[in-house]
């Protein structure tokens, strides 16, 4: 079967995009304002957030597992930071309310380790372990903190070639 070029994405979509809600009827997200840390706002969707005064900020080296509030997700109208670029922009707009996934299934990146369904989710809080601060990880090391199963766990076995996988938030 030959798939027309204009329709190829409809039939051969990639595994996912970080920050996209995977199962909408099983998920809950809430509006939240992004708060800057050292004058820097969250720079990507699909990252862990911690509550801060006035909203939430990206996970930092000072955060512990109990600080995990959810994952920054793509929601309308808070799609991106550059209104001229439309849906393609991958940087959240800090002046618009954004979405925080507090329960359900969401696409995230996992650059360290191989996720296993129901496995422990780690968040990097210190550089040196192969990841950046705020990365979701699937293997334990001295540079990350473990989330409890009542916070989040991996929803899929493995990840694609771009490190995309699915996280289940159980809050």
N, C-alpha and C. Protein backbone atom coordinates (compact mmCIF):
# COMPACT_ATOMS: atom_id res chain seq x y z
N UNK A 1 0.84 -1.18 0.00
CA UNK A 1 0.00 0.00 0.00
C UNK A 1 0.89 1.24 0.00
N UNK A 2 0.65 2.13 -0.91
CA UNK A 2 1.38 3.38 -0.97
C UNK A 2 0.59 4.44 -0.23
N UNK A 3 1.25 5.10 0.71
CA UNK A 3 0.59 6.14 1.49
C UNK A 3 0.92 7.49 0.88
N UNK A 4 -0.10 8.27 0.53
CA UNK A 4 0.17 9.60 -0.03
C UNK A 4 0.98 10.44 0.95
N UNK A 5 1.89 11.22 0.44
CA UNK A 5 2.77 12.03 1.27
C UNK A 5 2.00 12.93 2.23
N UNK A 6 0.95 13.56 1.79
CA UNK A 6 0.20 14.48 2.64
C UNK A 6 -0.46 13.76 3.81
N UNK A 7 -0.69 12.45 3.68
CA UNK A 7 -1.36 11.70 4.73
C UNK A 7 -0.40 10.79 5.50
N UNK A 8 0.86 10.79 5.16
CA UNK A 8 1.81 9.86 5.77
C UNK A 8 1.85 9.97 7.28
N UNK A 9 1.76 11.17 7.82
CA UNK A 9 1.82 11.33 9.28
C UNK A 9 0.62 10.69 9.95
N UNK A 10 -0.53 10.75 9.32
CA UNK A 10 -1.74 10.17 9.91
C UNK A 10 -1.61 8.67 10.09
N UNK A 11 -0.92 8.00 9.18
CA UNK A 11 -0.79 6.56 9.24
C UNK A 11 0.51 6.09 9.88
N UNK A 12 1.52 6.94 9.92
CA UNK A 12 2.82 6.56 10.44
C UNK A 12 3.33 7.60 11.42
N UNK A 13 2.56 7.88 12.45
CA UNK A 13 2.93 8.89 13.44
C UNK A 13 4.11 8.41 14.28
N UNK A 14 4.94 9.32 14.76
CA UNK A 14 6.03 8.94 15.66
C UNK A 14 5.46 8.47 17.00
N UNK A 15 6.32 7.91 17.84
CA UNK A 15 5.88 7.37 19.12
C UNK A 15 5.18 8.41 19.97
N UNK A 16 5.66 9.61 19.97
CA UNK A 16 5.02 10.64 20.77
C UNK A 16 5.88 11.88 20.87
N UNK A 17 5.32 12.89 21.49
CA UNK A 17 6.01 14.16 21.69
C UNK A 17 5.99 14.44 23.18
N UNK A 18 7.13 14.75 23.79
CA UNK A 18 7.14 15.03 25.23
C UNK A 18 6.12 16.09 25.61
N UNK A 19 5.33 15.78 26.64
CA UNK A 19 4.32 16.70 27.11
C UNK A 19 2.94 16.45 26.56
N UNK A 20 2.81 15.50 25.62
CA UNK A 20 1.49 15.19 25.08
C UNK A 20 0.76 14.21 25.98
N UNK A 21 -0.52 14.45 26.20
CA UNK A 21 -1.35 13.56 26.99
C UNK A 21 -1.66 12.34 26.13
N UNK A 22 -1.44 11.15 26.68
CA UNK A 22 -1.58 9.92 25.91
C UNK A 22 -3.00 9.37 25.96
N UNK A 23 -3.59 9.27 27.13
CA UNK A 23 -4.94 8.73 27.29
C UNK A 23 -5.78 9.81 27.97
N UNK A 24 -6.49 10.60 27.18
CA UNK A 24 -7.16 11.78 27.74
C UNK A 24 -8.28 11.44 28.71
N UNK A 25 -9.02 10.35 28.49
CA UNK A 25 -10.14 10.06 29.39
C UNK A 25 -9.69 9.46 30.72
N UNK A 26 -8.43 9.12 30.84
CA UNK A 26 -7.88 8.59 32.09
C UNK A 26 -6.93 9.58 32.76
N UNK A 27 -6.95 10.82 32.33
CA UNK A 27 -5.96 11.80 32.79
C UNK A 27 -6.62 13.06 33.34
N UNK A 28 -5.95 13.67 34.30
CA UNK A 28 -6.39 14.94 34.85
C UNK A 28 -5.24 15.93 34.78
N UNK A 29 -5.53 17.09 34.24
CA UNK A 29 -4.54 18.18 34.24
C UNK A 29 -5.22 19.41 34.82
N UNK A 30 -4.40 20.28 35.35
CA UNK A 30 -4.90 21.50 35.97
C UNK A 30 -4.16 22.69 35.39
N UNK A 31 -4.79 23.86 35.34
CA UNK A 31 -4.08 25.05 34.88
C UNK A 31 -3.10 25.53 35.96
N UNK A 32 -1.98 26.04 35.50
CA UNK A 32 -0.98 26.54 36.44
C UNK A 32 -0.13 27.59 35.75
N UNK A 33 0.34 28.54 36.52
CA UNK A 33 1.27 29.55 35.97
C UNK A 33 2.69 29.09 36.25
N UNK A 34 3.56 29.26 35.27
CA UNK A 34 4.96 28.90 35.45
C UNK A 34 5.67 29.99 36.24
N UNK A 35 6.53 29.57 37.14
CA UNK A 35 7.34 30.49 37.94
C UNK A 35 8.81 30.31 37.55
N UNK A 36 9.53 31.40 37.44
CA UNK A 36 10.93 31.35 37.05
C UNK A 36 11.81 30.94 38.23
N UNK A 37 12.88 30.24 37.91
CA UNK A 37 13.92 29.91 38.89
C UNK A 37 15.18 30.59 38.38
N UNK A 38 15.72 31.50 39.17
CA UNK A 38 16.88 32.31 38.74
C UNK A 38 16.61 32.98 37.40
N UNK A 39 15.42 33.54 37.26
CA UNK A 39 14.99 34.28 36.06
C UNK A 39 14.79 33.39 34.83
N UNK A 40 14.76 32.08 34.99
CA UNK A 40 14.58 31.16 33.86
C UNK A 40 13.29 30.37 34.07
N UNK A 41 12.42 30.42 33.06
CA UNK A 41 11.18 29.65 33.08
C UNK A 41 11.43 28.27 32.49
N UNK A 42 10.50 27.35 32.70
CA UNK A 42 10.58 26.02 32.10
C UNK A 42 10.77 26.14 30.60
N UNK A 43 11.69 25.38 30.04
CA UNK A 43 12.05 25.51 28.64
C UNK A 43 11.56 24.37 27.76
N UNK A 44 10.75 23.45 28.32
CA UNK A 44 10.26 22.32 27.52
C UNK A 44 9.01 21.74 28.14
N UNK A 45 8.20 21.10 27.31
CA UNK A 45 7.06 20.34 27.79
C UNK A 45 7.53 18.94 28.17
N UNK A 46 6.77 18.27 29.03
CA UNK A 46 7.10 16.90 29.40
C UNK A 46 8.13 16.80 30.50
N UNK A 47 8.33 17.88 31.26
CA UNK A 47 9.32 17.86 32.34
C UNK A 47 8.62 17.85 33.70
N UNK A 48 9.30 17.36 34.73
CA UNK A 48 8.68 17.36 36.06
C UNK A 48 8.62 18.78 36.64
N UNK A 49 7.53 19.04 37.36
CA UNK A 49 7.34 20.34 38.00
C UNK A 49 7.23 20.17 39.51
N UNK A 50 7.60 21.22 40.22
CA UNK A 50 7.45 21.30 41.67
C UNK A 50 6.64 22.57 41.95
N UNK A 51 5.72 22.48 42.92
CA UNK A 51 4.94 23.67 43.26
C UNK A 51 5.85 24.77 43.79
N UNK A 52 5.53 26.01 43.43
CA UNK A 52 6.26 27.19 43.88
C UNK A 52 5.22 28.26 44.20
N UNK A 53 5.62 29.28 44.90
CA UNK A 53 4.69 30.37 45.22
C UNK A 53 4.15 30.94 43.91
N UNK A 54 2.83 30.92 43.75
CA UNK A 54 2.20 31.47 42.56
C UNK A 54 2.05 30.50 41.41
N UNK A 55 2.49 29.25 41.55
CA UNK A 55 2.37 28.28 40.46
C UNK A 55 3.29 27.10 40.62
N UNK A 56 4.09 26.85 39.58
CA UNK A 56 5.03 25.73 39.61
C UNK A 56 6.26 26.08 38.79
N UNK A 57 7.37 25.44 39.13
CA UNK A 57 8.62 25.65 38.40
C UNK A 57 9.22 24.29 38.05
N UNK A 58 10.19 24.31 37.14
CA UNK A 58 10.84 23.07 36.76
C UNK A 58 11.60 22.50 37.96
N UNK A 59 11.75 21.18 37.98
CA UNK A 59 12.46 20.50 39.06
C UNK A 59 13.90 20.99 39.13
N UNK A 60 14.40 21.23 40.34
CA UNK A 60 15.74 21.76 40.56
C UNK A 60 16.58 20.80 41.40
N UNK A 61 17.84 21.10 41.53
CA UNK A 61 18.74 20.26 42.33
C UNK A 61 18.35 20.27 43.81
N UNK A 62 17.67 21.29 44.26
CA UNK A 62 17.26 21.37 45.66
C UNK A 62 15.97 20.61 45.96
N UNK A 63 15.29 20.12 44.91
CA UNK A 63 14.03 19.40 45.11
C UNK A 63 14.26 17.96 45.55
N UNK A 64 13.28 17.43 46.28
CA UNK A 64 13.27 16.03 46.69
C UNK A 64 12.05 15.37 46.06
N UNK A 65 11.98 14.05 46.14
CA UNK A 65 10.88 13.31 45.51
C UNK A 65 9.51 13.83 45.95
N UNK A 66 9.38 14.19 47.21
CA UNK A 66 8.09 14.67 47.72
C UNK A 66 7.65 15.97 47.06
N UNK A 67 8.55 16.70 46.40
CA UNK A 67 8.21 17.96 45.73
C UNK A 67 7.55 17.75 44.37
N UNK A 68 7.58 16.52 43.85
CA UNK A 68 7.01 16.26 42.52
C UNK A 68 5.53 16.60 42.51
N UNK A 69 5.15 17.54 41.64
CA UNK A 69 3.76 17.99 41.55
C UNK A 69 3.05 17.43 40.33
N UNK A 70 3.81 17.11 39.28
CA UNK A 70 3.23 16.60 38.04
C UNK A 70 4.15 16.92 36.88
N UNK A 71 3.61 16.79 35.67
CA UNK A 71 4.38 16.99 34.44
C UNK A 71 3.76 18.12 33.63
N UNK A 72 4.60 18.99 33.10
CA UNK A 72 4.15 20.09 32.25
C UNK A 72 3.67 19.52 30.92
N UNK A 73 2.38 19.77 30.59
CA UNK A 73 1.79 19.21 29.38
C UNK A 73 1.34 20.30 28.42
N UNK A 74 1.16 19.91 27.17
CA UNK A 74 0.67 20.82 26.13
C UNK A 74 -0.83 20.90 26.21
N UNK A 75 -1.36 22.08 26.40
CA UNK A 75 -2.80 22.30 26.40
C UNK A 75 -3.12 23.60 25.69
N UNK A 76 -4.26 23.67 25.08
CA UNK A 76 -4.70 24.92 24.49
C UNK A 76 -5.31 25.77 25.59
N UNK A 77 -5.07 27.07 25.68
CA UNK A 77 -4.37 27.85 24.68
C UNK A 77 -2.86 27.94 24.93
N UNK A 78 -2.35 27.34 25.98
CA UNK A 78 -0.93 27.47 26.31
C UNK A 78 -0.04 26.55 25.53
N UNK A 79 -0.10 26.60 24.23
CA UNK A 79 0.63 25.68 23.39
C UNK A 79 2.13 26.00 23.37
N UNK A 80 2.51 27.23 23.12
CA UNK A 80 3.92 27.54 23.03
C UNK A 80 4.21 28.98 23.34
N UNK A 81 5.49 29.30 23.38
CA UNK A 81 5.93 30.62 23.75
C UNK A 81 5.97 31.62 22.61
N UNK A 82 6.02 31.14 21.38
CA UNK A 82 6.14 32.03 20.24
C UNK A 82 4.84 31.99 19.45
N UNK A 83 4.02 33.01 19.60
CA UNK A 83 2.72 33.04 18.93
C UNK A 83 2.83 33.00 17.42
N UNK A 84 3.95 33.44 16.86
CA UNK A 84 4.13 33.43 15.42
C UNK A 84 4.44 32.03 14.89
N UNK A 85 4.88 31.13 15.77
CA UNK A 85 5.26 29.81 15.33
C UNK A 85 4.14 28.79 15.49
N UNK A 86 3.10 29.13 16.23
CA UNK A 86 1.93 28.26 16.35
C UNK A 86 2.19 27.00 17.14
N UNK A 87 1.65 25.88 16.67
CA UNK A 87 1.72 24.62 17.39
C UNK A 87 3.11 24.00 17.40
N UNK A 88 4.00 24.44 16.54
CA UNK A 88 5.31 23.83 16.41
C UNK A 88 6.25 24.19 17.55
N UNK A 89 6.04 25.32 18.18
CA UNK A 89 6.95 25.80 19.22
C UNK A 89 6.97 24.84 20.41
N UNK A 90 8.14 24.47 20.87
CA UNK A 90 8.29 23.50 21.96
C UNK A 90 8.59 24.18 23.30
N UNK A 91 8.59 25.50 23.36
CA UNK A 91 8.90 26.21 24.60
C UNK A 91 7.61 26.79 25.16
N UNK A 92 7.24 26.41 26.40
CA UNK A 92 6.00 26.93 26.99
C UNK A 92 6.03 28.45 27.13
N UNK A 93 4.88 29.06 26.99
CA UNK A 93 4.76 30.50 27.12
C UNK A 93 4.48 30.84 28.59
N UNK A 94 5.41 31.49 29.29
CA UNK A 94 5.24 31.74 30.72
C UNK A 94 4.18 32.78 31.07
N UNK A 95 3.68 33.53 30.09
CA UNK A 95 2.65 34.52 30.41
C UNK A 95 1.24 33.96 30.24
N UNK A 96 1.12 32.74 29.75
CA UNK A 96 -0.17 32.07 29.62
C UNK A 96 -0.26 30.93 30.62
N UNK A 97 -1.44 30.63 31.13
CA UNK A 97 -1.57 29.44 31.98
C UNK A 97 -1.18 28.20 31.19
N UNK A 98 -0.45 27.33 31.82
CA UNK A 98 -0.04 26.07 31.20
C UNK A 98 -0.76 24.93 31.91
N UNK A 99 -0.57 23.72 31.43
CA UNK A 99 -1.21 22.56 32.04
C UNK A 99 -0.21 21.73 32.81
N UNK A 100 -0.62 21.27 33.99
CA UNK A 100 0.20 20.35 34.77
C UNK A 100 -0.60 19.05 34.91
N UNK A 101 -0.04 17.96 34.42
CA UNK A 101 -0.67 16.66 34.52
C UNK A 101 -0.49 16.16 35.94
N UNK A 102 -1.60 15.94 36.65
CA UNK A 102 -1.53 15.48 38.04
C UNK A 102 -1.98 14.02 38.18
N UNK A 103 -2.60 13.48 37.13
CA UNK A 103 -2.98 12.07 37.13
C UNK A 103 -3.17 11.63 35.70
N UNK A 104 -2.62 10.48 35.35
CA UNK A 104 -2.85 9.94 34.03
C UNK A 104 -1.58 9.59 33.29
N UNK A 105 -1.69 9.56 31.96
CA UNK A 105 -0.62 9.10 31.09
C UNK A 105 -0.09 10.24 30.23
N UNK A 106 1.23 10.39 30.21
CA UNK A 106 1.85 11.49 29.48
C UNK A 106 3.16 11.02 28.85
N UNK A 107 3.47 11.53 27.65
CA UNK A 107 4.75 11.25 27.01
C UNK A 107 5.85 12.08 27.66
N UNK A 108 6.97 11.42 27.93
CA UNK A 108 8.15 12.10 28.48
C UNK A 108 9.40 11.52 27.83
N UNK A 109 10.51 12.20 28.02
CA UNK A 109 11.80 11.69 27.58
C UNK A 109 12.47 10.96 28.74
N UNK A 110 13.16 9.87 28.43
CA UNK A 110 13.92 9.12 29.42
C UNK A 110 15.30 8.82 28.83
N UNK A 111 16.27 9.75 28.99
CA UNK A 111 17.57 9.57 28.37
C UNK A 111 18.49 8.57 29.09
N UNK A 112 18.16 8.22 30.34
CA UNK A 112 19.03 7.31 31.11
C UNK A 112 18.23 6.10 31.56
N UNK A 113 18.70 4.91 31.19
CA UNK A 113 18.05 3.67 31.59
C UNK A 113 16.94 3.28 30.62
N UNK A 114 16.42 2.07 30.84
CA UNK A 114 15.34 1.55 30.02
C UNK A 114 14.11 1.33 30.88
N UNK A 115 13.04 2.06 30.65
CA UNK A 115 11.83 1.92 31.46
C UNK A 115 11.24 0.51 31.37
N UNK A 116 10.69 0.06 32.48
CA UNK A 116 9.95 -1.20 32.53
C UNK A 116 8.59 -0.90 33.12
N UNK A 117 7.55 -1.44 32.50
CA UNK A 117 6.17 -1.18 32.94
C UNK A 117 6.06 -1.41 34.45
N UNK A 118 5.54 -0.42 35.17
CA UNK A 118 5.40 -0.50 36.61
C UNK A 118 6.68 -0.23 37.38
N UNK A 119 7.76 0.09 36.66
CA UNK A 119 9.05 0.33 37.29
C UNK A 119 9.17 1.69 37.95
N UNK A 120 10.23 1.83 38.73
CA UNK A 120 10.49 3.06 39.47
C UNK A 120 10.94 4.17 38.52
N UNK A 121 10.38 5.35 38.74
CA UNK A 121 10.74 6.55 37.98
C UNK A 121 11.68 7.38 38.84
N UNK A 122 12.78 7.82 38.26
CA UNK A 122 13.75 8.67 38.94
C UNK A 122 13.79 10.03 38.27
N UNK A 123 14.11 11.06 39.04
CA UNK A 123 14.31 12.40 38.49
C UNK A 123 15.72 12.83 38.84
N UNK A 124 16.47 13.27 37.84
CA UNK A 124 17.85 13.72 38.05
C UNK A 124 17.86 15.04 38.81
N UNK A 125 18.64 15.11 39.88
CA UNK A 125 18.75 16.34 40.67
C UNK A 125 20.20 16.85 40.75
N UNK A 126 21.10 16.19 40.03
CA UNK A 126 22.50 16.60 40.05
C UNK A 126 23.17 16.12 38.77
N UNK A 127 23.93 16.97 38.13
CA UNK A 127 24.63 16.55 36.91
C UNK A 127 25.76 15.60 37.27
N UNK A 128 26.17 14.83 36.32
CA UNK A 128 27.27 13.89 36.54
C UNK A 128 26.84 12.45 36.35
N UNK A 129 25.56 12.19 36.34
CA UNK A 129 25.07 10.83 36.18
C UNK A 129 24.57 10.52 34.79
N UNK A 130 24.95 11.30 33.82
CA UNK A 130 24.54 11.05 32.45
C UNK A 130 23.28 11.79 32.04
N UNK A 131 22.73 12.60 32.92
CA UNK A 131 21.52 13.33 32.58
C UNK A 131 21.59 14.77 33.06
N UNK A 132 20.61 15.52 32.64
CA UNK A 132 20.51 16.91 33.07
C UNK A 132 19.52 17.00 34.23
N UNK A 133 19.65 18.03 35.04
CA UNK A 133 18.73 18.22 36.17
C UNK A 133 17.30 18.31 35.62
N UNK A 134 16.41 17.51 36.21
CA UNK A 134 15.02 17.46 35.78
C UNK A 134 14.70 16.36 34.78
N UNK A 135 15.70 15.62 34.31
CA UNK A 135 15.44 14.50 33.40
C UNK A 135 14.74 13.37 34.14
N UNK A 136 13.78 12.73 33.48
CA UNK A 136 13.24 11.48 33.99
C UNK A 136 14.24 10.39 33.65
N UNK A 137 14.46 9.45 34.57
CA UNK A 137 15.41 8.38 34.35
C UNK A 137 14.80 7.05 34.82
N UNK A 138 15.33 5.96 34.26
CA UNK A 138 14.80 4.63 34.60
C UNK A 138 15.80 3.79 35.38
N UNK A 139 16.95 4.35 35.72
CA UNK A 139 17.92 3.60 36.52
C UNK A 139 18.42 4.47 37.67
N UNK A 140 18.68 3.82 38.78
CA UNK A 140 19.09 4.53 39.99
C UNK A 140 20.58 4.87 39.95
N UNK A 141 20.89 6.04 40.44
CA UNK A 141 22.29 6.42 40.64
C UNK A 141 22.33 7.50 41.73
N UNK A 142 23.50 7.93 42.07
CA UNK A 142 23.66 8.91 43.16
C UNK A 142 23.20 10.30 42.76
N UNK A 143 22.79 10.49 41.51
CA UNK A 143 22.44 11.80 41.01
C UNK A 143 20.94 12.00 40.83
N UNK A 144 20.12 11.04 41.28
CA UNK A 144 18.68 11.19 41.10
C UNK A 144 17.92 10.79 42.36
N UNK A 145 16.62 11.12 42.37
CA UNK A 145 15.72 10.74 43.46
C UNK A 145 14.62 9.85 42.88
N UNK A 146 14.16 8.89 43.67
CA UNK A 146 13.14 7.96 43.23
C UNK A 146 11.75 8.45 43.62
N UNK A 147 10.84 8.42 42.67
CA UNK A 147 9.44 8.70 42.97
C UNK A 147 8.80 7.42 43.48
N UNK A 148 7.84 7.54 44.36
CA UNK A 148 7.14 6.36 44.86
C UNK A 148 6.11 5.92 43.83
N UNK A 149 5.64 4.67 43.93
CA UNK A 149 4.63 4.15 43.01
C UNK A 149 3.33 4.93 43.15
N UNK A 150 3.10 5.57 44.29
CA UNK A 150 1.89 6.38 44.45
C UNK A 150 2.04 7.75 43.79
N UNK A 151 3.25 8.08 43.34
CA UNK A 151 3.47 9.33 42.60
C UNK A 151 3.45 9.06 41.10
N UNK A 152 4.32 8.16 40.62
CA UNK A 152 4.41 7.87 39.19
C UNK A 152 5.16 6.57 38.98
N UNK A 153 4.88 5.94 37.85
CA UNK A 153 5.64 4.76 37.42
C UNK A 153 5.61 4.70 35.90
N UNK A 154 6.48 3.86 35.32
CA UNK A 154 6.55 3.74 33.87
C UNK A 154 5.32 2.99 33.38
N UNK A 155 4.72 3.45 32.29
CA UNK A 155 3.52 2.83 31.74
C UNK A 155 3.84 1.89 30.58
N UNK A 156 5.06 1.94 30.06
CA UNK A 156 5.47 1.10 28.94
C UNK A 156 6.80 0.43 29.23
N UNK A 157 7.05 -0.67 28.54
CA UNK A 157 8.37 -1.29 28.54
C UNK A 157 9.18 -0.63 27.43
N UNK A 158 10.33 -0.10 27.76
CA UNK A 158 11.23 0.46 26.76
C UNK A 158 10.89 1.89 26.34
N UNK A 159 11.60 2.31 25.29
CA UNK A 159 11.45 3.67 24.75
C UNK A 159 11.82 3.62 23.29
N UNK A 160 11.46 4.66 22.55
CA UNK A 160 11.80 4.66 21.13
C UNK A 160 13.22 5.20 20.92
N UNK A 161 13.61 5.34 19.67
CA UNK A 161 14.97 5.79 19.34
C UNK A 161 15.25 7.21 19.79
N UNK A 162 14.19 8.00 20.06
CA UNK A 162 14.35 9.37 20.52
C UNK A 162 14.20 9.50 22.03
N UNK A 163 14.18 8.38 22.75
CA UNK A 163 14.02 8.32 24.21
C UNK A 163 12.62 8.65 24.69
N UNK A 164 11.61 8.66 23.79
CA UNK A 164 10.23 8.90 24.18
C UNK A 164 9.65 7.65 24.83
N UNK A 165 8.91 7.83 25.89
CA UNK A 165 8.19 6.75 26.55
C UNK A 165 6.97 7.34 27.26
N UNK A 166 6.26 6.52 28.01
CA UNK A 166 5.03 7.00 28.65
C UNK A 166 5.14 6.80 30.16
N UNK A 167 4.74 7.83 30.88
CA UNK A 167 4.75 7.85 32.34
C UNK A 167 3.30 7.84 32.82
N UNK A 168 3.02 7.08 33.89
CA UNK A 168 1.70 7.09 34.49
C UNK A 168 1.81 7.78 35.84
N UNK A 169 1.10 8.88 35.99
CA UNK A 169 1.08 9.61 37.25
C UNK A 169 -0.13 9.11 38.04
N UNK A 170 0.10 8.70 39.27
CA UNK A 170 -0.94 8.01 40.03
C UNK A 170 -1.55 8.84 41.16
N UNK A 171 -1.22 10.09 41.25
CA UNK A 171 -1.67 10.90 42.36
C UNK A 171 -3.15 10.93 42.53
